[in-house]
Amino acid sequence: MKQTVDIKRAYEPASPDDGFRIYIDRLWPRGLSHETFHYDRWDKDIAPSTELRRWFHANPQTEWTDFEQRYRQELLSNPAFADLKKTISDKPKVTLLYSSHDAAHNNAVVLRDMLASL
């Protein structure tokens, strides 16, 4: 089965084309209510560690390559990553939801690329 993994900002409207929707940030998206935000799973443990997230937010543009490398290392040793792979293994379409304003530099980009490389 060919699987598609996309990313989408949590603030964008849900679509039937999203498939299985996983919110992958540790913190709840500001301004969204639990009643209106549609997700199938909230996987807090797959998010970057608090230390890595704080470090990255200090200099997001100049430290992107380092963030990617550090987050990949965290994922490889994180049991939540293995659990996520198992959870989505039978899902033809998965959408990773994130709350960052920067669509090109966030943990969803790294996680999507890691899942695609498997």
PDB file of N, CA and C in Angstrom:
ATOM      1  N   MET A   1       0.842  -1.185   0.000  1.00  0.00           N
ATOM      2  CA  MET A   1       0.000   0.000   0.000  1.00  0.00           C
ATOM      3  C   MET A   1       0.887   1.248   0.000  1.00  0.00           C
ATOM      4  N   LYS A   2       0.612   2.135  -0.913  1.00  0.00           N
ATOM      5  CA  LYS A   2       1.320   3.407  -0.979  1.00  0.00           C
ATOM      6  C   LYS A   2       0.705   4.366   0.031  1.00  0.00           C
ATOM      7  N   GLN A   3       1.539   4.909   0.895  1.00  0.00           N
ATOM      8  CA  GLN A   3       1.054   5.828   1.923  1.00  0.00           C
ATOM      9  C   GLN A   3       1.500   7.244   1.595  1.00  0.00           C
ATOM     10  N   THR A   4       0.612   8.194   1.849  1.00  0.00           N
ATOM     11  CA  THR A   4       0.922   9.604   1.671  1.00  0.00           C
ATOM     12  C   THR A   4       0.918  10.267   3.032  1.00  0.00           C
ATOM     13  N   VAL A   5       1.990  11.006   3.333  1.00  0.00           N
ATOM     14  CA  VAL A   5       2.074  11.775   4.575  1.00  0.00           C
ATOM     15  C   VAL A   5       2.237  13.238   4.193  1.00  0.00           C
ATOM     16  N   ASP A   6       1.266  14.039   4.583  1.00  0.00           N
ATOM     17  CA  ASP A   6       1.297  15.475   4.322  1.00  0.00           C
ATOM     18  C   ASP A   6       1.406  16.227   5.635  1.00  0.00           C
ATOM     19  N   ILE A   7       1.678  17.507   5.523  1.00  0.00           N
ATOM     20  CA  ILE A   7       1.681  18.370   6.699  1.00  0.00           C
ATOM     21  C   ILE A   7       0.707  19.516   6.458  1.00  0.00           C
ATOM     22  N   LYS A   8       0.165  20.034   7.545  1.00  0.00           N
ATOM     23  CA  LYS A   8      -0.824  21.105   7.439  1.00  0.00           C
ATOM     24  C   LYS A   8      -0.827  21.881   8.749  1.00  0.00           C
ATOM     25  N   ARG A   9      -0.983  23.154   8.632  1.00  0.00           N
ATOM     26  CA  ARG A   9      -1.064  23.992   9.827  1.00  0.00           C
ATOM     27  C   ARG A   9      -2.380  23.709  10.549  1.00  0.00           C
ATOM     28  N   ALA A  10      -2.326  23.600  11.851  1.00  0.00           N
ATOM     29  CA  ALA A  10      -3.502  23.264  12.662  1.00  0.00           C
ATOM     30  C   ALA A  10      -4.636  24.257  12.471  1.00  0.00           C
ATOM     31  N   TYR A  11      -4.321  25.469  12.103  1.00  0.00           N
ATOM     32  CA  TYR A  11      -5.329  26.519  11.962  1.00  0.00           C
ATOM     33  C   TYR A  11      -6.077  26.460  10.630  1.00  0.00           C
ATOM     34  N   GLU A  12      -5.607  25.636   9.700  1.00  0.00           N
ATOM     35  CA  GLU A  12      -6.309  25.464   8.426  1.00  0.00           C
ATOM     36  C   GLU A  12      -7.500  24.539   8.638  1.00  0.00           C
ATOM     37  N   PRO A  13      -8.590  24.747   7.898  1.00  0.00           N
ATOM     38  CA  PRO A  13      -9.774  23.899   8.077  1.00  0.00           C
ATOM     39  C   PRO A  13      -9.485  22.430   7.759  1.00  0.00           C
ATOM     40  N   ALA A  14     -10.128  21.550   8.483  1.00  0.00           N
ATOM     41  CA  ALA A  14     -10.019  20.118   8.207  1.00  0.00           C
ATOM     42  C   ALA A  14     -10.687  19.810   6.880  1.00  0.00           C
ATOM     43  N   SER A  15     -10.180  18.782   6.216  1.00  0.00           N
ATOM     44  CA  SER A  15     -10.731  18.349   4.936  1.00  0.00           C
ATOM     45  C   SER A  15     -10.820  16.828   4.939  1.00  0.00           C
ATOM     46  N   PRO A  16     -11.820  16.267   4.274  1.00  0.00           N
ATOM     47  CA  PRO A  16     -11.884  14.806   4.169  1.00  0.00           C
ATOM     48  C   PRO A  16     -10.640  14.224   3.494  1.00  0.00           C
ATOM     49  N   ASP A  17      -9.975  15.039   2.667  1.00  0.00           N
ATOM     50  CA  ASP A  17      -8.760  14.593   1.990  1.00  0.00           C
ATOM     51  C   ASP A  17      -7.564  14.469   2.931  1.00  0.00           C
ATOM     52  N   ASP A  18      -7.687  14.947   4.164  1.00  0.00           N
ATOM     53  CA  ASP A  18      -6.580  14.888   5.122  1.00  0.00           C
ATOM     54  C   ASP A  18      -6.294  13.470   5.594  1.00  0.00           C
ATOM     55  N   GLY A  19      -7.262  12.598   5.531  1.00  0.00           N
ATOM     56  CA  GLY A  19      -7.070  11.249   6.049  1.00  0.00           C
ATOM     57  C   GLY A  19      -6.976  11.269   7.564  1.00  0.00           C
ATOM     58  N   PHE A  20      -6.060  10.494   8.111  1.00  0.00           N
ATOM     59  CA  PHE A  20      -5.854  10.393   9.556  1.00  0.00           C
ATOM     60  C   PHE A  20      -5.042  11.604  10.015  1.00  0.00           C
ATOM     61  N   ARG A  21      -5.619  12.416  10.892  1.00  0.00           N
ATOM     62  CA  ARG A  21      -5.007  13.689  11.305  1.00  0.00           C
ATOM     63  C   ARG A  21      -4.352  13.545  12.683  1.00  0.00           C
ATOM     64  N   ILE A  22      -3.048  13.864  12.732  1.00  0.00           N
ATOM     65  CA  ILE A  22      -2.299  13.758  13.985  1.00  0.00           C
ATOM     66  C   ILE A  22      -1.703  15.110  14.331  1.00  0.00           C
ATOM     67  N   TYR A  23      -2.087  15.624  15.487  1.00  0.00           N
ATOM     68  CA  TYR A  23      -1.482  16.872  15.979  1.00  0.00           C
ATOM     69  C   TYR A  23      -0.189  16.492  16.680  1.00  0.00           C
ATOM     70  N   ILE A  24       0.937  17.092  16.259  1.00  0.00           N
ATOM     71  CA  ILE A  24       2.251  16.611  16.703  1.00  0.00           C
ATOM     72  C   ILE A  24       3.039  17.619  17.543  1.00  0.00           C
ATOM     73  N   ASP A  25       2.389  18.617  18.092  1.00  0.00           N
ATOM     74  CA  ASP A  25       3.073  19.578  18.958  1.00  0.00           C
ATOM     75  C   ASP A  25       2.779  19.259  20.418  1.00  0.00           C
ATOM     76  N   ARG A  26       3.705  19.626  21.271  1.00  0.00           N
ATOM     77  CA  ARG A  26       3.553  19.381  22.704  1.00  0.00           C
ATOM     78  C   ARG A  26       2.519  20.314  23.332  1.00  0.00           C
ATOM     79  N   LEU A  27       2.436  21.536  22.809  1.00  0.00           N
ATOM     80  CA  LEU A  27       1.525  22.538  23.360  1.00  0.00           C
ATOM     81  C   LEU A  27       0.278  22.656  22.496  1.00  0.00           C
ATOM     82  N   TRP A  28      -0.867  22.867  23.141  1.00  0.00           N
ATOM     83  CA  TRP A  28      -2.123  23.030  22.428  1.00  0.00           C
ATOM     84  C   TRP A  28      -2.055  24.284  21.560  1.00  0.00           C
ATOM     85  N   PRO A  29      -2.622  24.258  20.341  1.00  0.00           N
ATOM     86  CA  PRO A  29      -2.569  25.439  19.467  1.00  0.00           C
ATOM     87  C   PRO A  29      -3.387  26.603  20.035  1.00  0.00           C
ATOM     88  N   ARG A  30      -2.720  27.701  20.229  1.00  0.00           N
ATOM     89  CA  ARG A  30      -3.337  28.890  20.818  1.00  0.00           C
ATOM     90  C   ARG A  30      -4.563  29.330  20.033  1.00  0.00           C
ATOM     91  N   GLY A  31      -5.646  29.561  20.740  1.00  0.00           N
ATOM     92  CA  GLY A  31      -6.858  30.085  20.131  1.00  0.00           C
ATOM     93  C   GLY A  31      -7.805  29.039  19.563  1.00  0.00           C
ATOM     94  N   LEU A  32      -7.412  27.775  19.537  1.00  0.00           N
ATOM     95  CA  LEU A  32      -8.306  26.730  19.025  1.00  0.00           C
ATOM     96  C   LEU A  32      -8.960  26.004  20.195  1.00  0.00           C
ATOM     97  N   SER A  33     -10.243  25.765  20.062  1.00  0.00           N
ATOM     98  CA  SER A  33     -10.945  25.040  21.121  1.00  0.00           C
ATOM     99  C   SER A  33     -10.913  23.545  20.833  1.00  0.00           C
ATOM    100  N   HIS A  34     -11.054  22.765  21.878  1.00  0.00           N
ATOM    101  CA  HIS A  34     -11.084  21.311  21.723  1.00  0.00           C
ATOM    102  C   HIS A  34     -12.310  20.876  20.916  1.00  0.00           C
ATOM    103  N   GLU A  35     -13.344  21.672  20.925  1.00  0.00           N
ATOM    104  CA  GLU A  35     -14.568  21.323  20.208  1.00  0.00           C
ATOM    105  C   GLU A  35     -14.460  21.581  18.705  1.00  0.00           C
ATOM    106  N   THR A  36     -13.664  22.552  18.296  1.00  0.00           N
ATOM    107  CA  THR A  36     -13.616  22.902  16.875  1.00  0.00           C
ATOM    108  C   THR A  36     -12.388  22.371  16.137  1.00  0.00           C
ATOM    109  N   PHE A  37     -11.368  21.993  16.863  1.00  0.00           N
ATOM    110  CA  PHE A  37     -10.143  21.490  16.228  1.00  0.00           C
ATOM    111  C   PHE A  37     -10.301  19.991  15.997  1.00  0.00           C
ATOM    112  N   HIS A  38     -10.300  19.591  14.733  1.00  0.00           N
ATOM    113  CA  HIS A  38     -10.482  18.178  14.409  1.00  0.00           C
ATOM    114  C   HIS A  38      -9.127  17.490  14.267  1.00  0.00           C
ATOM    115  N   TYR A  39      -8.935  16.467  15.064  1.00  0.00           N
ATOM    116  CA  TYR A  39      -7.748  15.626  14.961  1.00  0.00           C
ATOM    117  C   TYR A  39      -8.138  14.225  15.418  1.00  0.00           C
ATOM    118  N   ASP A  40      -7.428  13.233  14.920  1.00  0.00           N
ATOM    119  CA  ASP A  40      -7.703  11.849  15.304  1.00  0.00           C
ATOM    120  C   ASP A  40      -6.805  11.398  16.447  1.00  0.00           C
ATOM    121  N   ARG A  41      -5.667  12.061  16.568  1.00  0.00           N
ATOM    122  CA  ARG A  41      -4.710  11.703  17.614  1.00  0.00           C
ATOM    123  C   ARG A  41      -3.867  12.937  17.935  1.00  0.00           C
ATOM    124  N   TRP A  42      -3.580  13.122  19.217  1.00  0.00           N
ATOM    125  CA  TRP A  42      -2.649  14.163  19.637  1.00  0.00           C
ATOM    126  C   TRP A  42      -1.440  13.445  20.201  1.00  0.00           C
ATOM    127  N   ASP A  43      -0.327  13.556  19.520  1.00  0.00           N
ATOM    128  CA  ASP A  43       0.880  12.834  19.905  1.00  0.00           C
ATOM    129  C   ASP A  43       1.921  13.813  20.452  1.00  0.00           C
ATOM    130  N   LYS A  44       1.758  14.183  21.707  1.00  0.00           N
ATOM    131  CA  LYS A  44       2.667  15.135  22.359  1.00  0.00           C
ATOM    132  C   LYS A  44       4.100  14.609  22.424  1.00  0.00           C
ATOM    133  N   ASP A  45       4.235  13.300  22.615  1.00  0.00           N
ATOM    134  CA  ASP A  45       5.562  12.724  22.844  1.00  0.00           C
ATOM    135  C   ASP A  45       6.433  12.655  21.596  1.00  0.00           C
ATOM    136  N   ILE A  46       5.837  12.881  20.420  1.00  0.00           N
ATOM    137  CA  ILE A  46       6.621  12.872  19.185  1.00  0.00           C
ATOM    138  C   ILE A  46       7.249  14.242  18.917  1.00  0.00           C
ATOM    139  N   ALA A  47       6.806  15.240  19.641  1.00  0.00           N
ATOM    140  CA  ALA A  47       7.316  16.607  19.471  1.00  0.00           C
ATOM    141  C   ALA A  47       8.775  16.696  19.932  1.00  0.00           C
ATOM    142  N   PRO A  48       9.497  17.694  19.453  1.00  0.00           N
ATOM    143  CA  PRO A  48      10.866  17.899  19.941  1.00  0.00           C
ATOM    144  C   PRO A  48      10.866  18.119  21.459  1.00  0.00           C
ATOM    145  N   SER A  49      11.959  17.770  22.080  1.00  0.00           N
ATOM    146  CA  SER A  49      12.087  17.992  23.519  1.00  0.00           C
ATOM    147  C   SER A  49      11.944  19.485  23.815  1.00  0.00           C
ATOM    148  N   THR A  50      11.584  19.800  25.026  1.00  0.00           N
ATOM    149  CA  THR A  50      11.440  21.205  25.431  1.00  0.00           C
ATOM    150  C   THR A  50      12.747  21.954  25.214  1.00  0.00           C
ATOM    151  N   GLU A  51      13.854  21.320  25.544  1.00  0.00           N
ATOM    152  CA  GLU A  51      15.163  21.970  25.372  1.00  0.00           C
ATOM    153  C   GLU A  51      15.440  22.285  23.913  1.00  0.00           C
ATOM    154  N   LEU A  52      15.176  21.321  23.029  1.00  0.00           N
ATOM    155  CA  LEU A  52      15.425  21.536  21.603  1.00  0.00           C
ATOM    156  C   LEU A  52      14.486  22.599  21.044  1.00  0.00           C
ATOM    157  N   ARG A  53      13.229  22.560  21.433  1.00  0.00           N
ATOM    158  CA  ARG A  53      12.257  23.552  20.960  1.00  0.00           C
ATOM    159  C   ARG A  53      12.677  24.953  21.382  1.00  0.00           C
ATOM    160  N   ARG A  54      13.072  25.139  22.624  1.00  0.00           N
ATOM    161  CA  ARG A  54      13.496  26.466  23.097  1.00  0.00           C
ATOM    162  C   ARG A  54      14.745  26.934  22.369  1.00  0.00           C
ATOM    163  N   TRP A  55      15.688  26.039  22.170  1.00  0.00           N
ATOM    164  CA  TRP A  55      16.924  26.378  21.466  1.00  0.00           C
ATOM    165  C   TRP A  55      16.608  26.829  20.034  1.00  0.00           C
ATOM    166  N   PHE A  56      15.727  26.089  19.355  1.00  0.00           N
ATOM    167  CA  PHE A  56      15.387  26.418  17.973  1.00  0.00           C
ATOM    168  C   PHE A  56      14.661  27.753  17.868  1.00  0.00           C
ATOM    169  N   HIS A  57      13.754  28.016  18.775  1.00  0.00           N
ATOM    170  CA  HIS A  57      12.988  29.265  18.710  1.00  0.00           C
ATOM    171  C   HIS A  57      13.858  30.494  18.961  1.00  0.00           C
ATOM    172  N   ALA A  58      15.008  30.308  19.545  1.00  0.00           N
ATOM    173  CA  ALA A  58      15.914  31.437  19.757  1.00  0.00           C
ATOM    174  C   ALA A  58      16.475  31.950  18.430  1.00  0.00           C
ATOM    175  N   ASN A  59      16.715  31.059  17.461  1.00  0.00           N
ATOM    176  CA  ASN A  59      17.267  31.417  16.146  1.00  0.00           C
ATOM    177  C   ASN A  59      16.779  30.470  15.067  1.00  0.00           C
ATOM    178  N   PRO A  60      15.524  30.504  14.699  1.00  0.00           N
ATOM    179  CA  PRO A  60      14.986  29.498  13.782  1.00  0.00           C
ATOM    180  C   PRO A  60      15.603  29.469  12.390  1.00  0.00           C
ATOM    181  N   GLN A  61      15.916  30.588  11.814  1.00  0.00           N
ATOM    182  CA  GLN A  61      16.440  30.577  10.444  1.00  0.00           C
ATOM    183  C   GLN A  61      17.902  30.136  10.383  1.00  0.00           C
ATOM    184  N   THR A  62      18.716  30.639  11.291  1.00  0.00           N
ATOM    185  CA  THR A  62      20.142  30.328  11.208  1.00  0.00           C
ATOM    186  C   THR A  62      20.480  28.949  11.742  1.00  0.00           C
ATOM    187  N   GLU A  63      19.580  28.341  12.487  1.00  0.00           N
ATOM    188  CA  GLU A  63      19.869  27.057  13.112  1.00  0.00           C
ATOM    189  C   GLU A  63      19.062  25.905  12.522  1.00  0.00           C
ATOM    190  N   TRP A  64      18.412  26.083  11.375  1.00  0.00           N
ATOM    191  CA  TRP A  64      17.524  25.060  10.839  1.00  0.00           C
ATOM    192  C   TRP A  64      18.222  23.721  10.614  1.00  0.00           C
ATOM    193  N   THR A  65      19.365  23.720   9.970  1.00  0.00           N
ATOM    194  CA  THR A  65      20.072  22.469   9.686  1.00  0.00           C
ATOM    195  C   THR A  65      20.429  21.744  10.982  1.00  0.00           C
ATOM    196  N   ASP A  66      20.874  22.495  11.968  1.00  0.00           N
ATOM    197  CA  ASP A  66      21.189  21.883  13.261  1.00  0.00           C
ATOM    198  C   ASP A  66      19.929  21.334  13.929  1.00  0.00           C
ATOM    199  N   PHE A  67      18.828  22.077  13.831  1.00  0.00           N
ATOM    200  CA  PHE A  67      17.575  21.589  14.411  1.00  0.00           C
ATOM    201  C   PHE A  67      17.159  20.286  13.750  1.00  0.00           C
ATOM    202  N   GLU A  68      17.195  20.233  12.426  1.00  0.00           N
ATOM    203  CA  GLU A  68      16.824  19.004  11.711  1.00  0.00           C
ATOM    204  C   GLU A  68      17.635  17.816  12.211  1.00  0.00           C
ATOM    205  N   GLN A  69      18.926  18.000  12.292  1.00  0.00           N
ATOM    206  CA  GLN A  69      19.819  16.920  12.711  1.00  0.00           C
ATOM    207  C   GLN A  69      19.518  16.488  14.153  1.00  0.00           C
ATOM    208  N   ARG A  70      19.360  17.450  15.038  1.00  0.00           N
ATOM    209  CA  ARG A  70      19.091  17.132  16.443  1.00  0.00           C
ATOM    210  C   ARG A  70      17.727  16.470  16.627  1.00  0.00           C
ATOM    211  N   TYR A  71      16.717  16.940  15.907  1.00  0.00           N
ATOM    212  CA  TYR A  71      15.382  16.351  16.036  1.00  0.00           C
ATOM    213  C   TYR A  71      15.368  14.932  15.462  1.00  0.00           C
ATOM    214  N   ARG A  72      16.057  14.723  14.354  1.00  0.00           N
ATOM    215  CA  ARG A  72      16.159  13.366  13.795  1.00  0.00           C
ATOM    216  C   ARG A  72      16.776  12.408  14.812  1.00  0.00           C
ATOM    217  N   GLN A  73      17.813  12.866  15.490  1.00  0.00           N
ATOM    218  CA  GLN A  73      18.444  12.031  16.513  1.00  0.00           C
ATOM    219  C   GLN A  73      17.475  11.732  17.654  1.00  0.00           C
ATOM    220  N   GLU A  74      16.721  12.735  18.072  1.00  0.00           N
ATOM    221  CA  GLU A  74      15.709  12.512  19.112  1.00  0.00           C
ATOM    222  C   GLU A  74      14.679  11.489  18.648  1.00  0.00           C
ATOM    223  N   LEU A  75      14.235  11.602  17.407  1.00  0.00           N
ATOM    224  CA  LEU A  75      13.223  10.677  16.900  1.00  0.00           C
ATOM    225  C   LEU A  75      13.725   9.241  16.890  1.00  0.00           C
ATOM    226  N   LEU A  76      14.962   9.045  16.488  1.00  0.00           N
ATOM    227  CA  LEU A  76      15.507   7.693  16.403  1.00  0.00           C
ATOM    228  C   LEU A  76      15.565   6.996  17.760  1.00  0.00           C
ATOM    229  N   SER A  77      15.682   7.774  18.825  1.00  0.00           N
ATOM    230  CA  SER A  77      15.739   7.169  20.160  1.00  0.00           C
ATOM    231  C   SER A  77      14.437   7.338  20.946  1.00  0.00           C
ATOM    232  N   ASN A  78      13.399   7.842  20.285  1.00  0.00           N
ATOM    233  CA  ASN A  78      12.133   8.115  20.951  1.00  0.00           C
ATOM    234  C   ASN A  78      11.148   6.967  20.707  1.00  0.00           C
ATOM    235  N   PRO A  79      10.696   6.285  21.765  1.00  0.00           N
ATOM    236  CA  PRO A  79       9.714   5.201  21.582  1.00  0.00           C
ATOM    237  C   PRO A  79       8.428   5.682  20.911  1.00  0.00           C
ATOM    238  N   ALA A  80       8.101   6.951  21.051  1.00  0.00           N
ATOM    239  CA  ALA A  80       6.889   7.490  20.414  1.00  0.00           C
ATOM    240  C   ALA A  80       6.994   7.429  18.890  1.00  0.00           C
ATOM    241  N   PHE A  81       8.206   7.494  18.351  1.00  0.00           N
ATOM    242  CA  PHE A  81       8.385   7.417  16.901  1.00  0.00           C
ATOM    243  C   PHE A  81       8.021   6.021  16.400  1.00  0.00           C
ATOM    244  N   ALA A  82       8.488   4.991  17.085  1.00  0.00           N
ATOM    245  CA  ALA A  82       8.135   3.616  16.712  1.00  0.00           C
ATOM    246  C   ALA A  82       6.629   3.402  16.849  1.00  0.00           C
ATOM    247  N   ASP A  83       6.049   3.954  17.899  1.00  0.00           N
ATOM    248  CA  ASP A  83       4.608   3.838  18.110  1.00  0.00           C
ATOM    249  C   ASP A  83       3.833   4.540  16.997  1.00  0.00           C
ATOM    250  N   LEU A  84       4.303   5.706  16.596  1.00  0.00           N
ATOM    251  CA  LEU A  84       3.647   6.443  15.512  1.00  0.00           C
ATOM    252  C   LEU A  84       3.702   5.645  14.216  1.00  0.00           C
ATOM    253  N   LYS A  85       4.851   5.089  13.898  1.00  0.00           N
ATOM    254  CA  LYS A  85       4.987   4.293  12.671  1.00  0.00           C
ATOM    255  C   LYS A  85       4.000   3.126  12.679  1.00  0.00           C
ATOM    256  N   LYS A  86       3.857   2.481  13.825  1.00  0.00           N
ATOM    257  CA  LYS A  86       2.910   1.362  13.945  1.00  0.00           C
ATOM    258  C   LYS A  86       1.473   1.854  13.783  1.00  0.00           C
ATOM    259  N   THR A  87       1.137   2.974  14.419  1.00  0.00           N
ATOM    260  CA  THR A  87      -0.215   3.525  14.364  1.00  0.00           C
ATOM    261  C   THR A  87      -0.637   3.869  12.942  1.00  0.00           C
ATOM    262  N   ILE A  88       0.268   4.423  12.165  1.00  0.00           N
ATOM    263  CA  ILE A  88      -0.108   4.875  10.819  1.00  0.00           C
ATOM    264  C   ILE A  88       0.158   3.827   9.741  1.00  0.00           C
ATOM    265  N   SER A  89       0.695   2.682  10.097  1.00  0.00           N
ATOM    266  CA  SER A  89       1.104   1.689   9.099  1.00  0.00           C
ATOM    267  C   SER A  89      -0.036   1.247   8.181  1.00  0.00           C
ATOM    268  N   ASP A  90      -1.262   1.262   8.666  1.00  0.00           N
ATOM    269  CA  ASP A  90      -2.390   0.830   7.841  1.00  0.00           C
ATOM    270  C   ASP A  90      -3.231   1.995   7.317  1.00  0.00           C
ATOM    271  N   LYS A  91      -2.715   3.204   7.448  1.00  0.00           N
ATOM    272  CA  LYS A  91      -3.449   4.398   7.009  1.00  0.00           C
ATOM    273  C   LYS A  91      -2.907   4.844   5.648  1.00  0.00           C
ATOM    274  N   PRO A  92      -3.759   4.894   4.622  1.00  0.00           N
ATOM    275  CA  PRO A  92      -3.270   5.314   3.303  1.00  0.00           C
ATOM    276  C   PRO A  92      -2.911   6.793   3.233  1.00  0.00           C
ATOM    277  N   LYS A  93      -3.582   7.614   4.045  1.00  0.00           N
ATOM    278  CA  LYS A  93      -3.321   9.058   4.031  1.00  0.00           C
ATOM    279  C   LYS A  93      -3.233   9.558   5.465  1.00  0.00           C
ATOM    280  N   VAL A  94      -2.132  10.259   5.770  1.00  0.00           N
ATOM    281  CA  VAL A  94      -1.897  10.817   7.097  1.00  0.00           C
ATOM    282  C   VAL A  94      -1.540  12.282   6.921  1.00  0.00           C
ATOM    283  N   THR A  95      -2.103  13.121   7.784  1.00  0.00           N
ATOM    284  CA  THR A  95      -1.740  14.537   7.792  1.00  0.00           C
ATOM    285  C   THR A  95      -1.220  14.890   9.173  1.00  0.00           C
ATOM    286  N   LEU A  96       0.016  15.388   9.208  1.00  0.00           N
ATOM    287  CA  LEU A  96       0.636  15.844  10.450  1.00  0.00           C
ATOM    288  C   LEU A  96       0.280  17.309  10.643  1.00  0.00           C
ATOM    289  N   LEU A  97      -0.300  17.620  11.771  1.00  0.00           N
ATOM    290  CA  LEU A  97      -0.752  18.983  12.063  1.00  0.00           C
ATOM    291  C   LEU A  97       0.225  19.665  13.006  1.00  0.00           C
ATOM    292  N   TYR A  98       0.572  20.901  12.694  1.00  0.00           N
ATOM    293  CA  TYR A  98       1.509  21.685  13.499  1.00  0.00           C
ATOM    294  C   TYR A  98       0.952  23.084  13.680  1.00  0.00           C
ATOM    295  N   SER A  99       1.469  23.821  14.662  1.00  0.00           N
ATOM    296  CA  SER A  99       0.939  25.164  14.910  1.00  0.00           C
ATOM    297  C   SER A  99       1.901  26.291  14.545  1.00  0.00           C
ATOM    298  N   SER A 100       3.113  25.986  14.170  1.00  0.00           N
ATOM    299  CA  SER A 100       4.109  26.999  13.823  1.00  0.00           C
ATOM    300  C   SER A 100       3.635  27.894  12.683  1.00  0.00           C
ATOM    301  N   HIS A 101       4.069  29.153  12.710  1.00  0.00           N
ATOM    302  CA  HIS A 101       3.775  30.084  11.616  1.00  0.00           C
ATOM    303  C   HIS A 101       4.637  29.799  10.389  1.00  0.00           C
ATOM    304  N   ASP A 102       5.792  29.208  10.611  1.00  0.00           N
ATOM    305  CA  ASP A 102       6.757  28.970   9.540  1.00  0.00           C
ATOM    306  C   ASP A 102       6.509  27.593   8.916  1.00  0.00           C
ATOM    307  N   ALA A 103       5.958  27.588   7.708  1.00  0.00           N
ATOM    308  CA  ALA A 103       5.597  26.328   7.052  1.00  0.00           C
ATOM    309  C   ALA A 103       6.802  25.523   6.579  1.00  0.00           C
ATOM    310  N   ALA A 104       7.933  26.161   6.400  1.00  0.00           N
ATOM    311  CA  ALA A 104       9.110  25.477   5.874  1.00  0.00           C
ATOM    312  C   ALA A 104      10.075  24.999   6.954  1.00  0.00           C
ATOM    313  N   HIS A 105       9.977  25.575   8.148  1.00  0.00           N
ATOM    314  CA  HIS A 105      10.934  25.272   9.219  1.00  0.00           C
ATOM    315  C   HIS A 105      10.188  24.922  10.500  1.00  0.00           C
ATOM    316  N   ASN A 106       9.757  23.672  10.592  1.00  0.00           N
ATOM    317  CA  ASN A 106       9.067  23.219  11.796  1.00  0.00           C
ATOM    318  C   ASN A 106       9.227  21.708  11.942  1.00  0.00           C
ATOM    319  N   ASN A 107       8.854  21.190  13.087  1.00  0.00           N
ATOM    320  CA  ASN A 107       9.045  19.768  13.357  1.00  0.00           C
ATOM    321  C   ASN A 107       8.238  18.860  12.427  1.00  0.00           C
ATOM    322  N   ALA A 108       7.121  19.333  11.900  1.00  0.00           N
ATOM    323  CA  ALA A 108       6.324  18.511  10.986  1.00  0.00           C
ATOM    324  C   ALA A 108       7.086  18.211   9.702  1.00  0.00           C
ATOM    325  N   VAL A 109       7.861  19.159   9.226  1.00  0.00           N
ATOM    326  CA  VAL A 109       8.662  18.963   8.012  1.00  0.00           C
ATOM    327  C   VAL A 109       9.655  17.825   8.232  1.00  0.00           C
ATOM    328  N   VAL A 110      10.345  17.862   9.352  1.00  0.00           N
ATOM    329  CA  VAL A 110      11.344  16.830   9.666  1.00  0.00           C
ATOM    330  C   VAL A 110      10.673  15.480   9.843  1.00  0.00           C
ATOM    331  N   LEU A 111       9.585  15.443  10.598  1.00  0.00           N
ATOM    332  CA  LEU A 111       8.887  14.186  10.862  1.00  0.00           C
ATOM    333  C   LEU A 111       8.322  13.587   9.569  1.00  0.00           C
ATOM    334  N   ARG A 112       7.722  14.419   8.727  1.00  0.00           N
ATOM    335  CA  ARG A 112       7.218  13.934   7.433  1.00  0.00           C
ATOM    336  C   ARG A 112       8.343  13.306   6.604  1.00  0.00           C
ATOM    337  N   ASP A 113       9.473  13.990   6.548  1.00  0.00           N
ATOM    338  CA  ASP A 113      10.609  13.489   5.765  1.00  0.00           C
ATOM    339  C   ASP A 113      11.157  12.182   6.343  1.00  0.00           C
ATOM    340  N   MET A 114      11.181  12.100   7.659  1.00  0.00           N
ATOM    341  CA  MET A 114      11.638  10.844   8.306  1.00  0.00           C
ATOM    342  C   MET A 114      10.695   9.690   7.962  1.00  0.00           C
ATOM    343  N   LEU A 115       9.404   9.929   8.036  1.00  0.00           N
ATOM    344  CA  LEU A 115       8.430   8.884   7.731  1.00  0.00           C
ATOM    345  C   LEU A 115       8.488   8.491   6.246  1.00  0.00           C
ATOM    346  N   ALA A 116       8.724   9.451   5.387  1.00  0.00           N
ATOM    347  CA  ALA A 116       8.792   9.180   3.949  1.00  0.00           C
ATOM    348  C   ALA A 116      10.040   8.362   3.577  1.00  0.00           C
ATOM    349  N   SER A 117      11.080   8.478   4.392  1.00  0.00           N
ATOM    350  CA  SER A 117      12.328   7.781   4.070  1.00  0.00           C
ATOM    351  C   SER A 117      12.329   6.324   4.520  1.00  0.00           C
ATOM    352  N   LEU A 118      11.279   5.900   5.179  1.00  0.00           N
ATOM    353  CA  LEU A 118      11.211   4.523   5.688  1.00  0.00           C
ATOM    354  C   LEU A 118      10.777   3.543   4.619  1.00  0.00           C
TER     355      LEU A 118
END
